[in-house]
Amino acid sequence: MTDAATLRAQFPGTPHALVHERQDELLAGLMEYLSQPSVSATGEGFPDATDRALEEVKRAGLTPSVLDGGGRPLVVGHRAGPEGAPHVLIYGHYDVQPTGPRELWDSDPFVPVLRDGRIWGRGTGDNKGQHYAHLQALRLFDTYAGGLPCTVTVLLDGEEEIGSPTLADTLSAHRERFDCDLVVWSDRSVHESGEWCVSHGVRGMLRLRLRATGPSRPLHSGNFGNVAPNPAWRLVQALASLKDPSGRVLVEGFDDGREPLSDADRAAFAALPLDLPEVLGDIGLTEMDPAFDGLSFYERLADRPTLTINGITSGDTCRTIIPDTAEAGIDIRLTAGHDPQAVFERVAAHLRTHAPDVTLTKLGGVPASRTPIDNPHTPKVARAISRVTGRDPLLIPAYGGTLPDWIFTGILGVPSIGLPLANHDQANHAPNENLRVDYFLDATAICMELLLELGS
């Protein structure tokens, strides 16, 4: 095995120069990879999608394998580095979102197109383009140096877009294969300012359904009004009991267990750029939720749980009826320290008191995850970015969204750092998803520099 300094010397120029020299080949390979559908929610493209991801892992010079936990399989690749070098686990996912209405796309979502400096197609940014950058970095090491500066395991999830339901159990059953020093996940987007960033956590999530029932069928509202109880009224009253008019959550113990931000996290949030009027204007608003007056934009996203009504379904707005059922979907975004089951039980206890005839169902729940921002690995990730871009990245303590990061920090018990590699306007989950070519090329070079930094 060869050390990082010797490996770096074997490249013809810098990783950045090498990537740009090979850019036509890299882009053609990515577009071929994107053309394979892999929709976990519907099964479109499976099992061929697993075979295709396995082939990409093999091309990267890794020993490929498949772990089947009963859902869409995990694709794994491994290669040892020099003795004593750290072991990094690189996480991504090869499944993608459904396309939605095809007529809303400017081109076929599974026939990727290179246009206006971007590749357009489903999975470009979320997530094939991002983990493909890691795989191509590994392939370039294999081609030009014949080895890696550190030990690498690549883990490609086939179910991230449906909540990774089998990931925790599968990794637990094969714990020894993932005994690593660090996890690096590449998902989401760079900062909305366009600056590269390093992330250190995500919020967890609890998904709930409330259901109220009434008569055995929809009824004429004139013939049965004041006679038949209306489940829609019972549902909205149950929902209203969860918050007061100012937006304060009324569930007893809702915040219990929450770990506040550290001083280092608060300082990092304070240093992030933010044009709040522009952010709000982009979503058609002029002010933030008044329930959290006194908290900054980033504190609201990372340091407080949410309780959100996702949607309400009942009856028919075009008919004068008493509906037979009423349902609502709720999600609760959890912060570090929150136990999803404990929060569920608190909400259930609240509804037993205030709406005992409304049925509450838990649809799923994962805890939040956070790695201290002052960990020893972040400076190495930051140096890899600055070597390629010439600028220091932004350090983000935690995102407001949810990923299966808790599996790495909780089950594997190791630091987990986010390295987003896609442009902020990638339109992930939406029509016309895209990945900027310049971001992809820089990302591939950053992935090479990261391995060199870790190996040094």
Protein backbone atom coordinates (compact mmCIF):
# COMPACT_ATOMS: atom_id res chain seq x y z
CA MET A 1 0.00 0.00 0.00
CA THR A 2 1.13 3.58 -0.69
CA ASP A 3 0.76 6.62 1.53
CA ALA A 4 -1.26 9.70 0.56
CA ALA A 5 1.72 11.90 -0.33
CA THR A 6 3.09 9.30 -2.74
CA LEU A 7 -0.33 8.76 -4.30
CA ARG A 8 -0.79 12.49 -4.86
CA ALA A 9 2.57 12.63 -6.66
CA GLN A 10 1.43 9.93 -9.10
CA PHE A 11 -1.35 12.06 -10.57
CA PRO A 12 -0.66 14.03 -13.76
CA GLY A 13 -1.33 17.42 -12.18
CA THR A 14 -3.88 18.21 -9.50
CA PRO A 15 -7.10 16.21 -9.01
CA HIS A 16 -8.98 19.28 -10.29
CA ALA A 17 -6.95 19.35 -13.51
CA LEU A 18 -7.28 15.60 -13.98
CA VAL A 19 -11.06 15.68 -13.57
CA HIS A 20 -11.42 18.47 -16.13
CA GLU A 21 -9.17 16.59 -18.54
CA ARG A 22 -11.48 13.56 -18.28
CA GLN A 23 -14.73 15.52 -18.10
CA ASP A 24 -16.28 14.24 -21.35
CA GLU A 25 -15.83 10.65 -20.20
CA LEU A 26 -17.14 11.41 -16.70
CA LEU A 27 -20.24 13.20 -17.99
CA ALA A 28 -21.02 10.45 -20.51
CA GLY A 29 -20.78 7.84 -17.77
CA LEU A 30 -23.08 9.78 -15.47
CA MET A 31 -25.71 10.22 -18.19
CA GLU A 32 -25.62 6.49 -18.88
CA TYR A 33 -26.08 5.79 -15.16
CA LEU A 34 -29.01 8.22 -14.93
CA SER A 35 -30.84 6.51 -17.78
CA GLN A 36 -31.56 3.48 -15.57
CA PRO A 37 -34.83 4.07 -13.66
CA SER A 38 -34.70 3.19 -9.94
CA VAL A 39 -37.93 4.33 -8.30
CA SER A 40 -38.10 2.63 -4.91
CA ALA A 41 -41.69 3.74 -4.20
CA THR A 42 -43.10 1.92 -7.24
CA GLY A 43 -40.38 -0.58 -8.11
CA GLU A 44 -39.84 0.95 -11.55
CA GLY A 45 -36.43 -0.15 -12.80
CA PHE A 46 -35.76 -2.77 -10.14
CA PRO A 47 -33.98 -5.22 -9.97
CA ASP A 48 -31.95 -3.90 -12.94
CA ALA A 49 -31.23 -0.74 -10.93
CA THR A 50 -29.43 -2.78 -8.27
CA ASP A 51 -27.34 -4.55 -10.91
CA ARG A 52 -26.48 -1.19 -12.49
CA ALA A 53 -25.34 0.32 -9.18
CA LEU A 54 -23.32 -2.82 -8.47
CA GLU A 55 -21.55 -2.44 -11.80
CA GLU A 56 -20.62 1.18 -11.01
CA VAL A 57 -19.14 0.12 -7.68
CA LYS A 58 -17.09 -2.55 -9.46
CA ARG A 59 -15.87 -0.04 -12.07
CA ALA A 60 -14.65 2.16 -9.23
CA GLY A 61 -12.16 -0.53 -8.24
CA LEU A 62 -14.07 -1.74 -5.20
CA THR A 63 -15.04 -5.27 -4.27
CA PRO A 64 -18.84 -5.22 -4.79
CA SER A 65 -21.55 -7.00 -2.83
CA VAL A 66 -25.27 -6.83 -2.20
CA LEU A 67 -27.01 -6.94 1.18
CA ASP A 68 -30.69 -7.83 0.98
CA GLY A 69 -32.66 -6.88 4.07
CA GLY A 70 -36.02 -7.74 2.54
CA GLY A 71 -36.58 -4.48 0.65
CA ARG A 72 -34.64 -2.78 -2.13
CA PRO A 73 -31.11 -4.10 -1.62
CA LEU A 74 -28.09 -2.22 -0.35
CA VAL A 75 -25.13 -2.07 -2.75
CA VAL A 76 -21.75 -2.14 -1.00
CA GLY A 77 -18.19 -1.72 -2.20
CA HIS A 78 -14.96 -2.03 -0.21
CA ARG A 79 -11.27 -1.48 -0.74
CA ALA A 80 -8.51 -1.46 1.84
CA GLY A 81 -6.02 1.38 2.12
CA PRO A 82 -2.57 1.48 3.73
CA GLU A 83 -2.18 -0.30 7.05
CA GLY A 84 -3.14 2.02 9.88
CA ALA A 85 -4.99 4.44 7.59
CA PRO A 86 -8.49 5.53 8.64
CA HIS A 87 -11.60 3.80 7.33
CA VAL A 88 -14.25 6.07 5.81
CA LEU A 89 -17.78 4.95 4.96
CA ILE A 90 -19.30 6.91 2.05
CA TYR A 91 -23.12 6.87 2.00
CA GLY A 92 -25.42 7.68 -0.90
CA HIS A 93 -28.58 6.22 -2.39
CA TYR A 94 -29.27 4.86 -5.85
CA ASP A 95 -33.06 5.00 -5.62
CA VAL A 96 -34.92 8.07 -6.89
CA GLN A 97 -38.27 9.77 -6.49
CA PRO A 98 -41.19 9.04 -8.83
CA THR A 99 -41.21 11.39 -11.80
CA GLY A 100 -44.66 12.85 -11.18
CA PRO A 101 -46.64 14.08 -14.21
CA ARG A 102 -44.42 13.59 -17.25
CA GLU A 103 -45.96 16.59 -19.00
CA LEU A 104 -44.35 18.90 -16.43
CA TRP A 105 -40.87 17.84 -17.58
CA ASP A 106 -39.13 19.63 -20.44
CA SER A 107 -37.55 16.31 -21.46
CA ASP A 108 -37.93 12.62 -20.59
CA PRO A 109 -36.83 12.24 -16.93
CA PHE A 110 -34.98 9.00 -17.71
CA VAL A 111 -33.33 10.23 -20.90
CA PRO A 112 -30.83 12.68 -19.42
CA VAL A 113 -30.06 15.78 -21.46
CA LEU A 114 -27.05 18.11 -21.29
CA ARG A 115 -28.34 21.64 -21.76
CA ASP A 116 -27.34 25.12 -20.55
CA GLY A 117 -24.46 23.82 -18.48
CA ARG A 118 -26.64 21.31 -16.60
CA ILE A 119 -27.66 17.69 -16.85
CA TRP A 120 -31.44 17.34 -16.65
CA GLY A 121 -33.13 14.15 -15.47
CA ARG A 122 -34.43 12.28 -12.45
CA GLY A 123 -31.65 11.42 -10.00
CA THR A 124 -29.15 13.97 -11.29
CA GLY A 125 -28.77 15.72 -7.93
CA ASP A 126 -30.71 13.33 -5.71
CA ASN A 127 -28.70 11.25 -5.53
CA LYS A 128 -26.93 9.53 -8.40
CA GLY A 129 -24.87 12.53 -9.47
CA GLN A 130 -23.55 12.99 -5.95
CA HIS A 131 -22.44 9.43 -5.20
CA TYR A 132 -21.24 9.01 -8.80
CA ALA A 133 -18.73 11.80 -8.07
CA HIS A 134 -17.37 9.72 -5.18
CA LEU A 135 -17.24 6.59 -7.35
CA GLN A 136 -15.39 8.37 -10.13
CA ALA A 137 -12.90 9.80 -7.65
CA LEU A 138 -12.20 6.23 -6.54
CA ARG A 139 -11.92 5.05 -10.14
CA LEU A 140 -9.34 7.75 -10.91
CA PHE A 141 -7.27 6.64 -7.92
CA ASP A 142 -7.46 3.08 -9.22
CA THR A 143 -6.45 4.12 -12.75
CA TYR A 144 -3.59 6.45 -11.95
CA ALA A 145 -2.30 5.27 -8.57
CA GLY A 146 -3.43 1.68 -8.26
CA GLY A 147 -4.54 2.18 -4.67
CA LEU A 148 -6.31 4.38 -2.15
CA PRO A 149 -4.91 6.67 0.55
CA CYS A 150 -7.34 5.26 3.14
CA THR A 151 -9.72 2.35 3.51
CA VAL A 152 -13.07 3.00 1.85
CA THR A 153 -16.48 1.37 2.08
CA VAL A 154 -19.22 2.71 -0.20
CA LEU A 155 -22.81 2.12 0.91
CA LEU A 156 -25.57 2.81 -1.62
CA ASP A 157 -29.08 2.66 -0.18
CA GLY A 158 -31.92 1.41 -2.37
CA GLU A 159 -34.70 2.75 -0.14
CA GLU A 160 -33.73 6.25 1.02
CA GLU A 161 -36.64 7.86 -0.82
CA ILE A 162 -39.09 5.67 1.13
CA GLY A 163 -37.46 6.21 4.52
CA SER A 164 -34.72 3.52 4.48
CA PRO A 165 -36.97 1.04 6.35
CA THR A 166 -34.47 -1.86 6.32
CA LEU A 167 -31.18 0.05 6.60
CA ALA A 168 -30.81 -0.01 10.39
CA ASP A 169 -31.51 -3.73 10.76
CA THR A 170 -29.28 -4.65 7.82
CA LEU A 171 -26.32 -2.63 9.09
CA SER A 172 -26.81 -4.02 12.59
CA ALA A 173 -26.77 -7.59 11.23
CA HIS A 174 -23.50 -6.89 9.39
CA ARG A 175 -21.98 -4.54 11.93
CA GLU A 176 -18.40 -5.79 11.47
CA ARG A 177 -18.38 -4.80 7.79
CA PHE A 178 -19.04 -1.17 8.66
CA ASP A 179 -16.59 -0.74 11.51
CA CYS A 180 -15.29 2.66 10.39
CA ASP A 181 -13.79 5.86 11.78
CA LEU A 182 -16.00 8.32 9.91
CA VAL A 183 -19.10 8.45 7.73
CA VAL A 184 -19.34 10.98 4.90
CA TRP A 185 -22.75 11.33 3.29
CA SER A 186 -23.37 13.36 0.15
CA ASP A 187 -26.99 14.38 -0.26
CA ARG A 188 -29.05 17.57 -0.24
CA SER A 189 -27.65 20.79 -1.76
CA VAL A 190 -24.93 23.32 -1.18
CA HIS A 191 -25.94 26.46 0.71
CA GLU A 192 -28.61 28.60 -0.96
CA SER A 193 -25.94 31.27 -1.52
CA GLY A 194 -24.19 28.80 -3.83
CA GLU A 195 -21.31 28.30 -1.41
CA TRP A 196 -20.00 24.81 -0.66
CA CYS A 197 -20.70 23.66 2.86
CA VAL A 198 -20.08 20.96 5.46
CA SER A 199 -23.02 19.73 7.54
CA HIS A 200 -23.06 18.05 10.93
CA GLY A 201 -26.57 16.77 11.52
CA VAL A 202 -30.22 16.51 10.61
CA ARG A 203 -33.54 16.62 12.42
CA GLY A 204 -35.48 13.43 13.04
CA MET A 205 -39.09 12.88 12.07
CA LEU A 206 -42.29 11.33 13.44
CA ARG A 207 -45.17 10.79 11.00
CA LEU A 208 -48.73 10.45 12.29
CA ARG A 209 -52.25 10.01 10.91
CA LEU A 210 -55.41 11.16 12.69
CA ARG A 211 -58.74 9.66 11.65
CA ALA A 212 -62.27 10.42 12.73
CA THR A 213 -65.28 8.39 11.59
CA GLY A 214 -68.98 9.18 11.47
CA PRO A 215 -71.97 7.71 9.64
CA SER A 216 -71.64 4.60 7.52
CA ARG A 217 -71.86 6.69 4.33
CA PRO A 218 -71.89 10.38 3.33
CA LEU A 219 -75.26 11.92 4.24
CA HIS A 220 -77.45 14.73 2.89
CA SER A 221 -76.58 17.70 5.14
CA GLY A 222 -80.18 18.93 5.17
CA ASN A 223 -81.78 15.63 5.96
CA PHE A 224 -79.25 14.66 8.64
CA GLY A 225 -77.77 17.95 9.85
CA ASN A 226 -77.96 18.26 13.68
CA VAL A 227 -78.67 14.51 13.79
CA ALA A 228 -75.50 12.80 12.57
CA PRO A 229 -72.20 13.81 14.22
CA ASN A 230 -69.76 15.27 11.69
CA PRO A 231 -66.29 13.62 11.74
CA ALA A 232 -64.72 16.62 10.00
CA TRP A 233 -65.62 18.84 12.97
CA ARG A 234 -64.24 16.28 15.39
CA LEU A 235 -60.99 16.12 13.45
CA VAL A 236 -60.44 19.88 13.23
CA GLN A 237 -61.20 20.23 16.94
CA ALA A 238 -58.62 17.53 17.69
CA LEU A 239 -56.08 19.34 15.55
CA ALA A 240 -56.87 22.66 17.19
CA SER A 241 -56.21 21.16 20.60
CA LEU A 242 -52.57 20.56 19.65
CA LYS A 243 -51.62 24.26 19.42
CA ASP A 244 -52.86 27.50 20.94
CA PRO A 245 -53.72 30.49 18.68
CA SER A 246 -50.16 31.83 18.97
CA GLY A 247 -48.72 28.56 17.63
CA ARG A 248 -47.39 27.18 20.91
CA VAL A 249 -47.63 23.37 21.08
CA LEU A 250 -49.94 22.30 23.92
CA VAL A 251 -48.80 18.67 24.19
CA GLU A 252 -47.43 18.22 27.69
CA GLY A 253 -43.71 17.41 27.66
CA PHE A 254 -43.39 18.07 23.92
CA ASP A 255 -39.92 19.61 24.34
CA ASP A 256 -38.68 17.17 26.99
CA GLY A 257 -35.24 15.75 26.25
CA ARG A 258 -34.31 18.36 23.66
CA GLU A 259 -30.58 19.07 23.62
CA PRO A 260 -29.90 22.78 23.09
CA LEU A 261 -27.35 23.99 20.56
CA SER A 262 -23.78 24.22 21.77
CA ASP A 263 -21.93 27.53 21.79
CA ALA A 264 -19.90 26.33 18.80
CA ASP A 265 -23.09 25.52 16.87
CA ARG A 266 -24.61 28.93 17.65
CA ALA A 267 -21.44 30.67 16.50
CA ALA A 268 -21.46 28.67 13.26
CA PHE A 269 -25.10 29.57 12.57
CA ALA A 270 -24.38 33.23 13.26
CA ALA A 271 -21.61 33.15 10.64
CA LEU A 272 -23.84 31.79 7.84
CA PRO A 273 -24.93 34.25 5.14
CA LEU A 274 -28.65 34.95 4.96
CA ASP A 275 -30.79 37.27 2.89
CA LEU A 276 -34.02 36.71 4.81
CA PRO A 277 -36.26 38.95 2.65
CA GLU A 278 -35.10 37.09 -0.44
CA VAL A 279 -35.65 33.67 1.17
CA LEU A 280 -39.14 34.64 2.31
CA GLY A 281 -39.97 36.41 -0.93
CA ASP A 282 -39.10 33.28 -2.89
CA ILE A 283 -41.89 31.41 -1.05
CA GLY A 284 -44.36 34.30 -1.19
CA LEU A 285 -44.02 35.46 2.44
CA THR A 286 -42.93 38.66 4.16
CA GLU A 287 -42.37 37.39 7.70
CA MET A 288 -41.54 34.20 9.60
CA ASP A 289 -43.92 32.24 11.82
CA PRO A 290 -44.73 34.57 14.76
CA ALA A 291 -44.89 31.60 17.15
CA PHE A 292 -41.09 31.63 17.24
CA ASP A 293 -40.41 35.36 17.55
CA GLY A 294 -36.97 35.93 19.01
CA LEU A 295 -35.39 32.95 17.29
CA SER A 296 -33.20 33.31 14.23
CA PHE A 297 -33.91 31.61 10.90
CA TYR A 298 -31.37 28.85 11.52
CA GLU A 299 -32.32 28.29 15.15
CA ARG A 300 -35.90 27.67 14.03
CA LEU A 301 -34.68 25.01 11.60
CA ALA A 302 -32.20 23.20 13.82
CA ASP A 303 -32.97 23.91 17.47
CA ARG A 304 -36.74 23.50 17.75
CA PRO A 305 -39.13 20.66 16.94
CA THR A 306 -42.02 21.27 14.56
CA LEU A 307 -45.63 20.10 14.52
CA THR A 308 -46.99 20.39 10.99
CA ILE A 309 -50.35 19.52 9.46
CA ASN A 310 -49.43 18.06 6.07
CA GLY A 311 -52.96 17.76 4.76
CA ILE A 312 -56.61 17.16 5.62
CA THR A 313 -59.00 14.94 3.68
CA SER A 314 -62.75 14.79 4.19
CA GLY A 315 -65.96 14.95 2.24
CA ASP A 316 -66.39 16.96 -0.94
CA THR A 317 -66.34 20.75 -1.28
CA CYS A 318 -68.78 20.54 -4.19
CA ARG A 319 -71.53 18.57 -2.43
CA THR A 320 -73.70 19.50 0.55
CA ILE A 321 -72.95 16.44 2.66
CA ILE A 322 -71.95 15.26 6.12
CA PRO A 323 -68.80 13.20 5.40
CA ASP A 324 -68.35 9.71 6.73
CA THR A 325 -64.63 10.04 7.51
CA ALA A 326 -62.00 12.70 8.03
CA GLU A 327 -58.23 12.20 8.06
CA ALA A 328 -55.19 14.38 8.63
CA GLY A 329 -51.49 13.74 8.15
CA ILE A 330 -49.01 15.27 10.61
CA ASP A 331 -45.24 15.29 10.78
CA ILE A 332 -43.13 16.28 13.77
CA ARG A 333 -39.51 17.17 13.04
CA LEU A 334 -37.42 16.18 16.03
CA THR A 335 -34.25 17.75 17.37
CA ALA A 336 -31.26 16.10 19.04
CA GLY A 337 -32.24 14.30 22.24
CA HIS A 338 -35.84 13.59 21.23
CA ASP A 339 -37.03 9.98 21.33
CA PRO A 340 -39.62 9.47 18.55
CA GLN A 341 -41.55 6.85 20.55
CA ALA A 342 -41.69 9.06 23.64
CA VAL A 343 -42.99 12.00 21.59
CA PHE A 344 -45.61 9.74 19.99
CA GLU A 345 -46.79 8.60 23.40
CA ARG A 346 -47.11 12.20 24.60
CA VAL A 347 -49.21 13.14 21.57
CA ALA A 348 -51.33 10.01 22.06
CA ALA A 349 -51.92 10.87 25.73
CA HIS A 350 -52.93 14.40 24.76
CA LEU A 351 -55.47 13.16 22.21
CA ARG A 352 -56.91 10.59 24.60
CA THR A 353 -57.81 13.52 26.83
CA HIS A 354 -58.92 16.06 24.22
CA ALA A 355 -60.22 13.86 21.37
CA PRO A 356 -60.74 10.29 22.62
CA ASP A 357 -62.80 9.27 19.61
CA VAL A 358 -60.09 10.24 17.10
CA THR A 359 -57.76 7.39 16.12
CA LEU A 360 -54.03 8.12 16.10
CA THR A 361 -51.65 5.96 14.03
CA LYS A 362 -47.88 6.12 13.99
CA LEU A 363 -46.61 5.82 10.40
CA GLY A 364 -42.91 5.98 11.17
CA GLY A 365 -40.29 7.70 13.24
CA VAL A 366 -36.52 8.24 13.24
CA PRO A 367 -34.44 10.25 15.74
CA ALA A 368 -32.37 13.31 14.99
CA SER A 369 -28.61 13.06 14.64
CA ARG A 370 -25.83 15.51 15.39
CA THR A 371 -22.02 15.37 15.22
CA PRO A 372 -20.14 18.08 17.17
CA ILE A 373 -19.00 20.79 14.79
CA ASP A 374 -15.58 20.95 16.47
CA ASN A 375 -14.77 17.29 15.68
CA PRO A 376 -11.29 16.53 14.24
CA HIS A 377 -12.54 15.46 10.79
CA THR A 378 -14.28 18.66 9.71
CA PRO A 379 -11.04 20.61 9.07
CA LYS A 380 -9.95 17.88 6.65
CA VAL A 381 -13.24 17.99 4.75
CA ALA A 382 -13.02 21.79 4.65
CA ARG A 383 -9.45 21.68 3.32
CA ALA A 384 -10.50 19.31 0.55
CA ILE A 385 -13.15 21.80 -0.57
CA SER A 386 -10.86 24.82 -0.36
CA ARG A 387 -8.10 23.03 -2.34
CA VAL A 388 -10.50 22.73 -5.29
CA THR A 389 -12.58 25.90 -5.00
CA GLY A 390 -10.10 28.30 -3.40
CA ARG A 391 -12.70 29.23 -0.77
CA ASP A 392 -13.40 28.01 2.73
CA PRO A 393 -16.76 26.22 2.96
CA LEU A 394 -19.59 27.21 5.25
CA LEU A 395 -19.95 25.05 8.36
CA ILE A 396 -23.57 24.11 9.09
CA PRO A 397 -24.37 22.54 12.49
CA ALA A 398 -27.57 20.81 11.34
CA TYR A 399 -30.15 20.78 8.56
CA GLY A 400 -33.86 21.09 9.14
CA GLY A 401 -34.71 18.03 7.06
CA THR A 402 -34.31 14.34 7.79
CA LEU A 403 -31.90 11.62 6.61
CA PRO A 404 -30.99 8.22 8.15
CA ASP A 405 -27.94 9.82 9.77
CA TRP A 406 -28.93 8.49 13.22
CA ILE A 407 -27.97 5.01 12.06
CA PHE A 408 -24.36 6.12 11.68
CA THR A 409 -24.06 8.14 14.87
CA GLY A 410 -26.33 5.87 16.92
CA ILE A 411 -25.82 2.30 15.68
CA LEU A 412 -22.29 2.56 14.28
CA GLY A 413 -21.36 5.12 16.93
CA VAL A 414 -19.07 7.21 14.72
CA PRO A 415 -18.96 10.87 13.59
CA SER A 416 -21.03 11.57 10.48
CA ILE A 417 -20.38 14.56 8.24
CA GLY A 418 -22.48 15.81 5.33
CA LEU A 419 -20.73 16.90 2.13
CA PRO A 420 -23.50 18.11 -0.22
CA LEU A 421 -22.36 18.10 -3.84
CA ALA A 422 -25.38 19.39 -5.79
CA ASN A 423 -26.41 22.92 -6.74
CA HIS A 424 -29.00 24.56 -4.47
CA ASP A 425 -31.54 24.83 -7.33
CA GLN A 426 -31.35 21.15 -8.31
CA ALA A 427 -35.17 20.78 -8.09
CA ASN A 428 -34.89 17.46 -6.31
CA HIS A 429 -38.23 15.63 -5.99
CA ALA A 430 -39.66 18.05 -8.59
CA PRO A 431 -39.97 18.12 -12.38
CA ASN A 432 -36.82 19.14 -14.28
CA GLU A 433 -34.38 17.94 -11.63
CA ASN A 434 -30.88 18.95 -12.67
CA LEU A 435 -27.19 18.99 -11.76
CA ARG A 436 -24.82 21.76 -12.78
CA VAL A 437 -21.81 20.40 -14.70
CA ASP A 438 -19.36 22.69 -12.92
CA TYR A 439 -20.56 21.47 -9.52
CA PHE A 440 -20.26 17.84 -10.59
CA LEU A 441 -16.70 18.27 -11.86
CA ASP A 442 -15.62 20.19 -8.77
CA ALA A 443 -17.37 17.58 -6.63
CA THR A 444 -15.37 14.75 -8.17
CA ALA A 445 -12.12 16.62 -7.51
CA ILE A 446 -13.24 17.40 -3.95
CA CYS A 447 -13.91 13.70 -3.34
CA MET A 448 -10.35 12.92 -4.46
CA GLU A 449 -8.88 15.62 -2.25
CA LEU A 450 -10.98 14.39 0.69
CA LEU A 451 -9.49 10.89 0.51
CA LEU A 452 -6.01 12.38 0.31
CA GLU A 453 -6.69 14.59 3.34
CA LEU A 454 -8.07 11.67 5.35
CA GLY A 455 -5.19 9.45 4.33
CA SER A 456 -2.57 12.02 5.27
